[in-house]
Protein backbone atom coordinates (compact mmCIF):
# COMPACT_ATOMS: atom_id res chain seq x y z
CA MET A 1 26.97 2.41 5.58
CA HIS A 2 27.32 -1.52 4.25
CA ALA A 3 26.08 -2.72 0.93
CA ILE A 4 22.75 -4.12 2.46
CA ASP A 5 22.03 -0.84 4.14
CA THR A 6 22.50 1.16 0.76
CA THR A 7 20.19 -1.49 -1.01
CA LEU A 8 17.62 -1.03 1.53
CA LEU A 9 17.71 2.83 1.40
CA ILE A 10 17.30 2.62 -2.57
CA ILE A 11 14.49 0.22 -2.08
CA ARG A 12 12.72 2.18 0.57
CA LEU A 13 13.03 5.35 -1.55
CA THR A 14 12.03 3.93 -4.59
CA VAL A 15 9.05 2.19 -3.42
CA GLY A 16 7.98 4.78 -0.93
CA LEU A 17 8.20 7.69 -3.28
CA THR A 18 6.53 5.67 -5.87
CA MET A 19 3.51 4.90 -3.52
CA VAL A 20 3.52 8.94 -2.55
CA ALA A 21 3.12 9.64 -6.08
CA HIS A 22 0.31 7.13 -6.69
CA GLY A 23 -1.75 8.47 -3.61
CA TRP A 24 -0.86 12.32 -4.92
CA ASN A 25 -2.20 11.09 -8.35
CA HIS A 26 -5.28 9.86 -6.70
CA ALA A 27 -5.85 13.30 -5.08
CA PHE A 28 -4.57 15.55 -7.67
CA GLY A 29 -4.35 13.91 -11.00
CA GLY A 30 -6.78 13.61 -13.72
CA GLY A 31 -10.24 13.28 -11.83
CA LYS A 32 -8.81 14.40 -8.85
CA LEU A 33 -10.33 12.90 -5.48
CA ALA A 34 -13.65 12.86 -7.26
CA GLY A 35 -12.72 11.17 -9.90
CA THR A 36 -10.86 8.29 -7.65
CA ALA A 37 -14.11 8.50 -5.70
CA GLY A 38 -16.32 7.72 -8.61
CA TRP A 39 -13.48 4.75 -9.80
CA PHE A 40 -13.66 3.20 -6.33
CA GLU A 41 -17.27 3.25 -6.22
CA GLY A 42 -17.48 1.66 -9.99
CA LEU A 43 -15.05 -1.18 -8.47
CA GLY A 44 -17.59 -1.58 -5.87
CA LEU A 45 -15.94 0.26 -2.75
CA ARG A 46 -18.67 2.00 -0.70
CA PRO A 47 -18.57 4.76 0.15
CA GLY A 48 -16.16 5.83 -2.58
CA ARG A 49 -15.46 9.09 -1.42
CA ILE A 50 -13.90 7.79 2.12
CA HIS A 51 -12.02 5.06 0.42
CA ALA A 52 -10.72 7.63 -2.04
CA LEU A 53 -9.38 10.00 0.75
CA MET A 54 -8.11 7.08 2.94
CA SER A 55 -6.07 5.52 -0.17
CA VAL A 56 -4.65 9.10 -0.45
CA LEU A 57 -3.50 9.32 3.12
CA VAL A 58 -2.25 5.84 3.46
CA GLU A 59 -0.17 6.09 0.27
CA VAL A 60 1.08 9.53 0.91
CA GLY A 61 1.79 9.11 4.77
CA CYS A 62 2.75 5.76 4.71
CA GLY A 63 4.86 6.18 1.46
CA VAL A 64 6.84 9.01 3.20
CA ALA A 65 7.14 6.95 6.42
CA PHE A 66 8.40 4.01 4.41
CA ALA A 67 11.16 6.14 2.41
CA ALA A 68 12.22 7.53 5.44
CA GLY A 69 12.34 4.11 7.16
CA PHE A 70 10.16 5.21 10.10
CA LEU A 71 8.19 2.19 11.70
CA THR A 72 9.10 0.35 8.67
CA PRO A 73 7.14 -2.88 9.25
CA ALA A 74 4.16 -0.87 10.10
CA ALA A 75 4.28 1.33 7.14
CA ALA A 76 5.25 -1.69 4.89
CA GLY A 77 1.86 -3.17 6.44
CA ALA A 78 -0.38 -0.37 5.44
CA LEU A 79 1.07 -0.04 1.99
CA LEU A 80 0.77 -4.18 1.35
CA GLY A 81 -3.06 -3.55 2.56
CA THR A 82 -3.46 -1.19 -0.34
CA MET A 83 -1.73 -3.55 -2.93
CA ILE A 84 -3.98 -6.56 -1.52
CA VAL A 85 -7.06 -4.28 -2.06
CA ALA A 86 -5.84 -3.32 -5.64
CA GLY A 87 -5.13 -6.83 -6.39
CA VAL A 88 -8.17 -8.37 -5.34
CA ILE A 89 -10.64 -5.72 -6.58
CA GLU A 90 -9.19 -4.65 -9.92
CA HIS A 91 -6.03 -6.64 -11.05
CA ARG A 92 -6.68 -10.47 -10.00
CA THR A 93 -9.16 -11.06 -12.94
CA HIS A 94 -6.83 -9.73 -15.63
CA GLY A 95 -4.05 -12.24 -15.54
CA PHE A 96 -0.53 -11.75 -14.55
CA PHE A 97 0.92 -9.10 -16.79
CA VAL A 98 0.59 -5.41 -15.75
CA PHE A 99 0.27 -4.59 -19.53
CA ARG A 100 -3.27 -6.45 -19.32
CA ASN A 101 -3.94 -4.78 -16.06
CA GLY A 102 -2.76 -7.91 -14.28
CA TYR A 103 -1.58 -8.26 -10.88
CA GLU A 104 2.07 -8.28 -11.58
CA TYR A 105 2.66 -4.78 -10.23
CA VAL A 106 0.98 -5.12 -7.07
CA LEU A 107 2.63 -8.55 -6.46
CA LEU A 108 5.83 -7.35 -6.74
CA ILE A 109 5.49 -4.07 -4.65
CA GLY A 110 3.73 -6.31 -1.88
CA LEU A 111 6.62 -8.87 -1.73
CA VAL A 112 9.09 -5.86 -1.72
CA LEU A 113 7.19 -4.70 1.13
CA ILE A 114 7.08 -7.95 2.96
CA ALA A 115 11.07 -8.28 2.46
CA VAL A 116 11.87 -4.71 3.88
CA ALA A 117 9.60 -5.27 6.71
CA VAL A 118 11.33 -8.57 7.39
CA SER A 119 15.03 -6.81 6.94
CA GLY A 120 14.16 -3.61 8.84
CA GLY A 121 14.70 -0.13 7.49
CA GLY A 122 18.66 -0.44 7.56
CA ALA A 123 21.37 2.00 8.95
CA ALA A 124 20.02 4.83 6.97
CA SER A 125 16.54 4.69 8.57
CA LEU A 126 14.63 6.71 10.98
CA ASP A 127 13.79 3.48 12.85
CA GLU A 128 17.93 3.31 13.10
CA ALA A 129 18.22 6.86 14.52
CA VAL A 130 15.52 6.30 17.09
CA GLY A 131 16.70 2.85 18.09
CA PHE A 132 13.38 1.01 17.06
CA HIS A 133 14.30 -2.64 16.04
CA LEU A 134 12.06 -5.41 15.35
CA GLY A 135 13.21 -8.82 14.87
CA ALA A 136 12.61 -10.59 11.46
CA TRP A 137 9.77 -12.48 12.77
CA ALA A 138 8.21 -9.44 14.32
CA GLY A 139 8.70 -7.48 11.39
CA LEU A 140 7.10 -9.96 9.17
CA GLY A 141 4.09 -10.23 11.91
CA THR A 142 3.46 -6.65 12.38
CA CYS A 143 3.58 -6.21 8.20
CA LEU A 144 1.35 -9.17 7.38
CA GLY A 145 -1.07 -8.31 10.46
CA ILE A 146 -1.57 -4.89 9.08
CA GLY A 147 -1.68 -5.60 5.66
CA ILE A 148 -3.66 -8.77 5.43
CA GLY A 149 -5.92 -7.85 8.45
CA GLY A 150 -6.59 -4.46 7.19
CA SER A 151 -7.46 -5.52 3.61
CA ALA A 152 -9.45 -8.38 4.78
CA LEU A 153 -11.51 -6.09 7.23
CA LEU A 154 -11.84 -3.37 4.50
CA LEU A 155 -13.02 -5.64 1.90
CA GLY A 156 -15.55 -7.69 4.02
CA THR A 157 -17.05 -4.59 5.28
CA CYS A 158 -16.73 -2.34 2.23
CA TRP A 159 -16.54 -4.07 -0.86
CA ARG A 160 -19.83 -5.00 -2.79
CA PRO A 161 -18.90 -5.61 -6.60
CA GLY A 162 -21.52 -5.68 -8.73
CA ARG A 163 -23.91 -3.51 -7.03
CA ALA A 164 -24.71 -0.28 -8.40
CA SER A 165 -24.02 3.02 -6.43
CA ALA A 166 -27.57 3.60 -5.64
CA ASP A 167 -28.15 0.47 -3.72
CA ASN A 168 -26.03 1.82 -0.68
CA ASP A 169 -27.14 5.04 -0.76
């Protein structure tokens, strides 16, 4: 295995399993799924329970796929979408630095996802094992199409900042 393949494996495992842990925490951490749903409602995502469940499914499922290097550009795109949504609805108004709840974390994760989508999963990936290869531009387009397109659709149809939960009930 070449150095770039080892590097991609380290990045995929770190970012993918971080997203799995993040999704797992949404479902089973502190307030569990109900707490995540309430938090999402408070951020303006309607209905909160569906968005909480979907975030868990995407973060855990695509986190595992990204870590394994399976359909890497698509998994990266789905995870990028969660980073965009989080950046827009929660982090952008707090400035750059993560210690102030800023967008530093979601920006870095998002850029790493894009970079891996462009390069592909590497030799130590399921994509390689099954012969799935996209070129750099196709990987980029897949990742950005899913990430930006999905987050724009979600935000445009389901995000209602500043409105009380009862407004949509």
